[in-house]
Amino acid sequence: MVASNLTVSELEQVLARTDPDLLEAANEVDVSLLRWSLGLTPLERLRACTRTAGTLERLRRGLAYQ
């Protein structure tokens, strides 16, 4: 178990040893999208998520531009 009082640097070192894929994914997070999402109300977030899911489904089916 990892102690809860680790510094960011120490946590990065633990992740590098135990789950380097997670560490790599965390470094690719677009913080501006998180900030944008936090500026929305819960209902606006749900609507944005629903629109995105619909777009991804259309792309999956090859119908994105119909």
PDB file of N, CA and C in Angstrom:
ATOM      1  N   MET A   1       0.841  -1.187   0.000  1.00  0.00           N
ATOM      2  CA  MET A   1       0.000   0.000   0.000  1.00  0.00           C
ATOM      3  C   MET A   1       0.882   1.244   0.000  1.00  0.00           C
ATOM      4  N   VAL A   2       0.459   2.269  -0.732  1.00  0.00           N
ATOM      5  CA  VAL A   2       1.216   3.508  -0.864  1.00  0.00           C
ATOM      6  C   VAL A   2       0.741   4.500   0.185  1.00  0.00           C
ATOM      7  N   ALA A   3       1.690   5.149   0.846  1.00  0.00           N
ATOM      8  CA  ALA A   3       1.339   6.153   1.857  1.00  0.00           C
ATOM      9  C   ALA A   3       0.639   7.325   1.195  1.00  0.00           C
ATOM     10  N   SER A   4      -0.293   7.936   1.908  1.00  0.00           N
ATOM     11  CA  SER A   4      -1.085   9.025   1.333  1.00  0.00           C
ATOM     12  C   SER A   4      -0.382  10.378   1.382  1.00  0.00           C
ATOM     13  N   ASN A   5       0.785  10.451   1.973  1.00  0.00           N
ATOM     14  CA  ASN A   5       1.463  11.742   2.088  1.00  0.00           C
ATOM     15  C   ASN A   5       2.666  11.839   1.150  1.00  0.00           C
ATOM     16  N   LEU A   6       2.597  11.170   0.004  1.00  0.00           N
ATOM     17  CA  LEU A   6       3.670  11.241  -0.982  1.00  0.00           C
ATOM     18  C   LEU A   6       3.648  12.585  -1.704  1.00  0.00           C
ATOM     19  N   THR A   7       4.822  13.034  -2.093  1.00  0.00           N
ATOM     20  CA  THR A   7       4.886  14.211  -2.952  1.00  0.00           C
ATOM     21  C   THR A   7       4.557  13.767  -4.377  1.00  0.00           C
ATOM     22  N   VAL A   8       4.323  14.719  -5.249  1.00  0.00           N
ATOM     23  CA  VAL A   8       4.029  14.410  -6.649  1.00  0.00           C
ATOM     24  C   VAL A   8       5.197  13.640  -7.261  1.00  0.00           C
ATOM     25  N   SER A   9       6.393  14.077  -6.976  1.00  0.00           N
ATOM     26  CA  SER A   9       7.581  13.421  -7.517  1.00  0.00           C
ATOM     27  C   SER A   9       7.671  11.971  -7.038  1.00  0.00           C
ATOM     28  N   GLU A  10       7.422  11.754  -5.765  1.00  0.00           N
ATOM     29  CA  GLU A  10       7.467  10.399  -5.221  1.00  0.00           C
ATOM     30  C   GLU A  10       6.378   9.522  -5.835  1.00  0.00           C
ATOM     31  N   LEU A  11       5.202  10.092  -6.014  1.00  0.00           N
ATOM     32  CA  LEU A  11       4.109   9.339  -6.632  1.00  0.00           C
ATOM     33  C   LEU A  11       4.459   8.966  -8.070  1.00  0.00           C
ATOM     34  N   GLU A  12       5.062   9.895  -8.797  1.00  0.00           N
ATOM     35  CA  GLU A  12       5.490   9.599 -10.170  1.00  0.00           C
ATOM     36  C   GLU A  12       6.504   8.462 -10.190  1.00  0.00           C
ATOM     37  N   GLN A  13       7.401   8.433  -9.222  1.00  0.00           N
ATOM     38  CA  GLN A  13       8.388   7.358  -9.153  1.00  0.00           C
ATOM     39  C   GLN A  13       7.718   6.012  -8.874  1.00  0.00           C
ATOM     40  N   VAL A  14       6.749   6.003  -7.979  1.00  0.00           N
ATOM     41  CA  VAL A  14       6.015   4.771  -7.681  1.00  0.00           C
ATOM     42  C   VAL A  14       5.270   4.292  -8.924  1.00  0.00           C
ATOM     43  N   LEU A  15       4.594   5.211  -9.613  1.00  0.00           N
ATOM     44  CA  LEU A  15       3.871   4.837 -10.829  1.00  0.00           C
ATOM     45  C   LEU A  15       4.819   4.348 -11.916  1.00  0.00           C
ATOM     46  N   ALA A  16       5.976   4.959 -12.035  1.00  0.00           N
ATOM     47  CA  ALA A  16       6.949   4.539 -13.044  1.00  0.00           C
ATOM     48  C   ALA A  16       7.367   3.092 -12.813  1.00  0.00           C
ATOM     49  N   ARG A  17       7.444   2.694 -11.554  1.00  0.00           N
ATOM     50  CA  ARG A  17       7.820   1.308 -11.230  1.00  0.00           C
ATOM     51  C   ARG A  17       6.652   0.350 -11.361  1.00  0.00           C
ATOM     52  N   THR A  18       5.465   0.772 -10.933  1.00  0.00           N
ATOM     53  CA  THR A  18       4.339  -0.161 -10.838  1.00  0.00           C
ATOM     54  C   THR A  18       3.402  -0.141 -12.034  1.00  0.00           C
ATOM     55  N   ASP A  19       3.222   1.017 -12.657  1.00  0.00           N
ATOM     56  CA  ASP A  19       2.295   1.102 -13.788  1.00  0.00           C
ATOM     57  C   ASP A  19       2.730   2.216 -14.741  1.00  0.00           C
ATOM     58  N   PRO A  20       3.763   1.961 -15.521  1.00  0.00           N
ATOM     59  CA  PRO A  20       4.272   3.007 -16.410  1.00  0.00           C
ATOM     60  C   PRO A  20       3.245   3.450 -17.460  1.00  0.00           C
ATOM     61  N   ASP A  21       2.332   2.561 -17.846  1.00  0.00           N
ATOM     62  CA  ASP A  21       1.299   2.948 -18.819  1.00  0.00           C
ATOM     63  C   ASP A  21       0.374   4.010 -18.236  1.00  0.00           C
ATOM     64  N   LEU A  22       0.021   3.864 -16.966  1.00  0.00           N
ATOM     65  CA  LEU A  22      -0.825   4.856 -16.308  1.00  0.00           C
ATOM     66  C   LEU A  22      -0.103   6.194 -16.218  1.00  0.00           C
ATOM     67  N   LEU A  23       1.159   6.160 -15.905  1.00  0.00           N
ATOM     68  CA  LEU A  23       1.939   7.393 -15.821  1.00  0.00           C
ATOM     69  C   LEU A  23       2.000   8.080 -17.183  1.00  0.00           C
ATOM     70  N   GLU A  24       2.208   7.307 -18.236  1.00  0.00           N
ATOM     71  CA  GLU A  24       2.244   7.876 -19.581  1.00  0.00           C
ATOM     72  C   GLU A  24       0.892   8.478 -19.956  1.00  0.00           C
ATOM     73  N   ALA A  25      -0.181   7.785 -19.629  1.00  0.00           N
ATOM     74  CA  ALA A  25      -1.520   8.302 -19.938  1.00  0.00           C
ATOM     75  C   ALA A  25      -1.792   9.595 -19.163  1.00  0.00           C
ATOM     76  N   ALA A  26      -1.369   9.653 -17.922  1.00  0.00           N
ATOM     77  CA  ALA A  26      -1.590  10.850 -17.106  1.00  0.00           C
ATOM     78  C   ALA A  26      -0.848  12.053 -17.689  1.00  0.00           C
ATOM     79  N   ASN A  27       0.294  11.805 -18.292  1.00  0.00           N
ATOM     80  CA  ASN A  27       1.060  12.902 -18.893  1.00  0.00           C
ATOM     81  C   ASN A  27       0.423  13.421 -20.172  1.00  0.00           C
ATOM     82  N   GLU A  28      -0.517  12.659 -20.732  1.00  0.00           N
ATOM     83  CA  GLU A  28      -1.172  13.062 -21.973  1.00  0.00           C
ATOM     84  C   GLU A  28      -2.544  13.711 -21.755  1.00  0.00           C
ATOM     85  N   VAL A  29      -2.936  13.897 -20.505  1.00  0.00           N
ATOM     86  CA  VAL A  29      -4.232  14.493 -20.202  1.00  0.00           C
ATOM     87  C   VAL A  29      -4.241  15.956 -20.628  1.00  0.00           C
ATOM     88  N   ASP A  30      -5.305  16.350 -21.325  1.00  0.00           N
ATOM     89  CA  ASP A  30      -5.463  17.740 -21.750  1.00  0.00           C
ATOM     90  C   ASP A  30      -6.156  18.510 -20.622  1.00  0.00           C
ATOM     91  N   VAL A  31      -5.388  19.211 -19.841  1.00  0.00           N
ATOM     92  CA  VAL A  31      -5.900  19.912 -18.663  1.00  0.00           C
ATOM     93  C   VAL A  31      -6.913  20.981 -19.059  1.00  0.00           C
ATOM     94  N   SER A  32      -6.767  21.552 -20.244  1.00  0.00           N
ATOM     95  CA  SER A  32      -7.715  22.587 -20.667  1.00  0.00           C
ATOM     96  C   SER A  32      -9.126  22.003 -20.804  1.00  0.00           C
ATOM     97  N   LEU A  33      -9.228  20.745 -21.220  1.00  0.00           N
ATOM     98  CA  LEU A  33     -10.551  20.112 -21.298  1.00  0.00           C
ATOM     99  C   LEU A  33     -11.151  19.893 -19.913  1.00  0.00           C
ATOM    100  N   LEU A  34     -10.309  19.554 -18.952  1.00  0.00           N
ATOM    101  CA  LEU A  34     -10.798  19.403 -17.575  1.00  0.00           C
ATOM    102  C   LEU A  34     -11.308  20.738 -17.041  1.00  0.00           C
ATOM    103  N   ARG A  35     -10.554  21.800 -17.294  1.00  0.00           N
ATOM    104  CA  ARG A  35     -10.977  23.131 -16.833  1.00  0.00           C
ATOM    105  C   ARG A  35     -12.290  23.539 -17.497  1.00  0.00           C
ATOM    106  N   TRP A  36     -12.400  23.265 -18.816  1.00  0.00           N
ATOM    107  CA  TRP A  36     -13.633  23.573 -19.539  1.00  0.00           C
ATOM    108  C   TRP A  36     -14.809  22.820 -18.919  1.00  0.00           C
ATOM    109  N   SER A  37     -14.618  21.534 -18.676  1.00  0.00           N
ATOM    110  CA  SER A  37     -15.693  20.716 -18.129  1.00  0.00           C
ATOM    111  C   SER A  37     -16.112  21.194 -16.738  1.00  0.00           C
ATOM    112  N   LEU A  38     -15.150  21.592 -15.934  1.00  0.00           N
ATOM    113  CA  LEU A  38     -15.479  22.063 -14.584  1.00  0.00           C
ATOM    114  C   LEU A  38     -16.255  23.375 -14.599  1.00  0.00           C
ATOM    115  N   GLY A  39     -16.181  24.098 -15.712  1.00  0.00           N
ATOM    116  CA  GLY A  39     -16.939  25.336 -15.846  1.00  0.00           C
ATOM    117  C   GLY A  39     -18.387  25.116 -16.245  1.00  0.00           C
ATOM    118  N   LEU A  40     -18.743  23.874 -16.544  1.00  0.00           N
ATOM    119  CA  LEU A  40     -20.111  23.549 -16.949  1.00  0.00           C
ATOM    120  C   LEU A  40     -20.932  23.096 -15.750  1.00  0.00           C
ATOM    121  N   THR A  41     -22.243  23.229 -15.886  1.00  0.00           N
ATOM    122  CA  THR A  41     -23.124  22.665 -14.863  1.00  0.00           C
ATOM    123  C   THR A  41     -23.185  21.156 -15.084  1.00  0.00           C
ATOM    124  N   PRO A  42     -23.648  20.389 -14.107  1.00  0.00           N
ATOM    125  CA  PRO A  42     -23.777  18.944 -14.310  1.00  0.00           C
ATOM    126  C   PRO A  42     -24.645  18.597 -15.532  1.00  0.00           C
ATOM    127  N   LEU A  43     -25.715  19.330 -15.751  1.00  0.00           N
ATOM    128  CA  LEU A  43     -26.572  19.053 -16.905  1.00  0.00           C
ATOM    129  C   LEU A  43     -25.829  19.350 -18.215  1.00  0.00           C
ATOM    130  N   GLU A  44     -25.068  20.443 -18.243  1.00  0.00           N
ATOM    131  CA  GLU A  44     -24.287  20.754 -19.441  1.00  0.00           C
ATOM    132  C   GLU A  44     -23.230  19.684 -19.709  1.00  0.00           C
ATOM    133  N   ARG A  45     -22.624  19.158 -18.636  1.00  0.00           N
ATOM    134  CA  ARG A  45     -21.643  18.076 -18.807  1.00  0.00           C
ATOM    135  C   ARG A  45     -22.306  16.831 -19.377  1.00  0.00           C
ATOM    136  N   LEU A  46     -23.481  16.518 -18.876  1.00  0.00           N
ATOM    137  CA  LEU A  46     -24.212  15.352 -19.371  1.00  0.00           C
ATOM    138  C   LEU A  46     -24.564  15.521 -20.841  1.00  0.00           C
ATOM    139  N   ARG A  47     -25.024  16.710 -21.211  1.00  0.00           N
ATOM    140  CA  ARG A  47     -25.355  16.971 -22.623  1.00  0.00           C
ATOM    141  C   ARG A  47     -24.117  16.851 -23.513  1.00  0.00           C
ATOM    142  N   ALA A  48     -22.993  17.400 -23.063  1.00  0.00           N
ATOM    143  CA  ALA A  48     -21.755  17.318 -23.842  1.00  0.00           C
ATOM    144  C   ALA A  48     -21.323  15.860 -23.991  1.00  0.00           C
ATOM    145  N   CYS A  49     -21.438  15.107 -22.933  1.00  0.00           N
ATOM    146  CA  CYS A  49     -21.078  13.691 -22.970  1.00  0.00           C
ATOM    147  C   CYS A  49     -21.984  12.924 -23.931  1.00  0.00           C
ATOM    148  N   THR A  50     -23.271  13.224 -23.892  1.00  0.00           N
ATOM    149  CA  THR A  50     -24.230  12.559 -24.777  1.00  0.00           C
ATOM    150  C   THR A  50     -23.932  12.892 -26.234  1.00  0.00           C
ATOM    151  N   ARG A  51     -23.642  14.156 -26.518  1.00  0.00           N
ATOM    152  CA  ARG A  51     -23.285  14.545 -27.896  1.00  0.00           C
ATOM    153  C   ARG A  51     -22.022  13.830 -28.355  1.00  0.00           C
ATOM    154  N   THR A  52     -21.026  13.769 -27.490  1.00  0.00           N
ATOM    155  CA  THR A  52     -19.775  13.097 -27.844  1.00  0.00           C
ATOM    156  C   THR A  52     -20.003  11.613 -28.082  1.00  0.00           C
ATOM    157  N   ALA A  53     -20.805  10.977 -27.229  1.00  0.00           N
ATOM    158  CA  ALA A  53     -21.095   9.554 -27.411  1.00  0.00           C
ATOM    159  C   ALA A  53     -21.815   9.318 -28.734  1.00  0.00           C
ATOM    160  N   GLY A  54     -22.735  10.198 -29.086  1.00  0.00           N
ATOM    161  CA  GLY A  54     -23.436  10.081 -30.360  1.00  0.00           C
ATOM    162  C   GLY A  54     -22.494  10.238 -31.540  1.00  0.00           C
ATOM    163  N   THR A  55     -21.591  11.191 -31.444  1.00  0.00           N
ATOM    164  CA  THR A  55     -20.612  11.401 -32.514  1.00  0.00           C
ATOM    165  C   THR A  55     -19.710  10.180 -32.660  1.00  0.00           C
ATOM    166  N   LEU A  56     -19.243   9.635 -31.543  1.00  0.00           N
ATOM    167  CA  LEU A  56     -18.390   8.451 -31.601  1.00  0.00           C
ATOM    168  C   LEU A  56     -19.129   7.259 -32.188  1.00  0.00           C
ATOM    169  N   GLU A  57     -20.397   7.121 -31.856  1.00  0.00           N
ATOM    170  CA  GLU A  57     -21.190   6.020 -32.416  1.00  0.00           C
ATOM    171  C   GLU A  57     -21.355   6.182 -33.924  1.00  0.00           C
ATOM    172  N   ARG A  58     -21.621   7.406 -34.375  1.00  0.00           N
ATOM    173  CA  ARG A  58     -21.736   7.639 -35.820  1.00  0.00           C
ATOM    174  C   ARG A  58     -20.414   7.367 -36.528  1.00  0.00           C
ATOM    175  N   LEU A  59     -19.310   7.768 -35.922  1.00  0.00           N
ATOM    176  CA  LEU A  59     -18.002   7.478 -36.502  1.00  0.00           C
ATOM    177  C   LEU A  59     -17.759   5.972 -36.579  1.00  0.00           C
ATOM    178  N   ARG A  60     -18.150   5.287 -35.525  1.00  0.00           N
ATOM    179  CA  ARG A  60     -17.985   3.831 -35.504  1.00  0.00           C
ATOM    180  C   ARG A  60     -18.750   3.178 -36.632  1.00  0.00           C
ATOM    181  N   ARG A  61     -19.923   3.707 -36.911  1.00  0.00           N
ATOM    182  CA  ARG A  61     -20.759   3.146 -37.969  1.00  0.00           C
ATOM    183  C   ARG A  61     -20.433   3.714 -39.349  1.00  0.00           C
ATOM    184  N   GLY A  62     -19.546   4.697 -39.400  1.00  0.00           N
ATOM    185  CA  GLY A  62     -19.178   5.304 -40.676  1.00  0.00           C
ATOM    186  C   GLY A  62     -20.196   6.294 -41.187  1.00  0.00           C
ATOM    187  N   LEU A  63     -20.972   6.877 -40.289  1.00  0.00           N
ATOM    188  CA  LEU A  63     -22.054   7.784 -40.696  1.00  0.00           C
ATOM    189  C   LEU A  63     -21.815   9.211 -40.208  1.00  0.00           C
ATOM    190  N   ALA A  64     -20.595   9.577 -39.965  1.00  0.00           N
ATOM    191  CA  ALA A  64     -20.307  10.859 -39.329  1.00  0.00           C
ATOM    192  C   ALA A  64     -20.762  12.053 -40.158  1.00  0.00           C
ATOM    193  N   TYR A  65     -20.815  11.922 -41.483  1.00  0.00           N
ATOM    194  CA  TYR A  65     -21.114  13.083 -42.312  1.00  0.00           C
ATOM    195  C   TYR A  65     -22.431  12.956 -43.036  1.00  0.00           C
ATOM    196  N   GLN A  66     -23.368  12.205 -42.499  1.00  0.00           N
ATOM    197  CA  GLN A  66     -24.679  12.078 -43.152  1.00  0.00           C
ATOM    198  C   GLN A  66     -25.719  12.869 -42.408  1.00  0.00           C
TER     199      GLN A  66
END
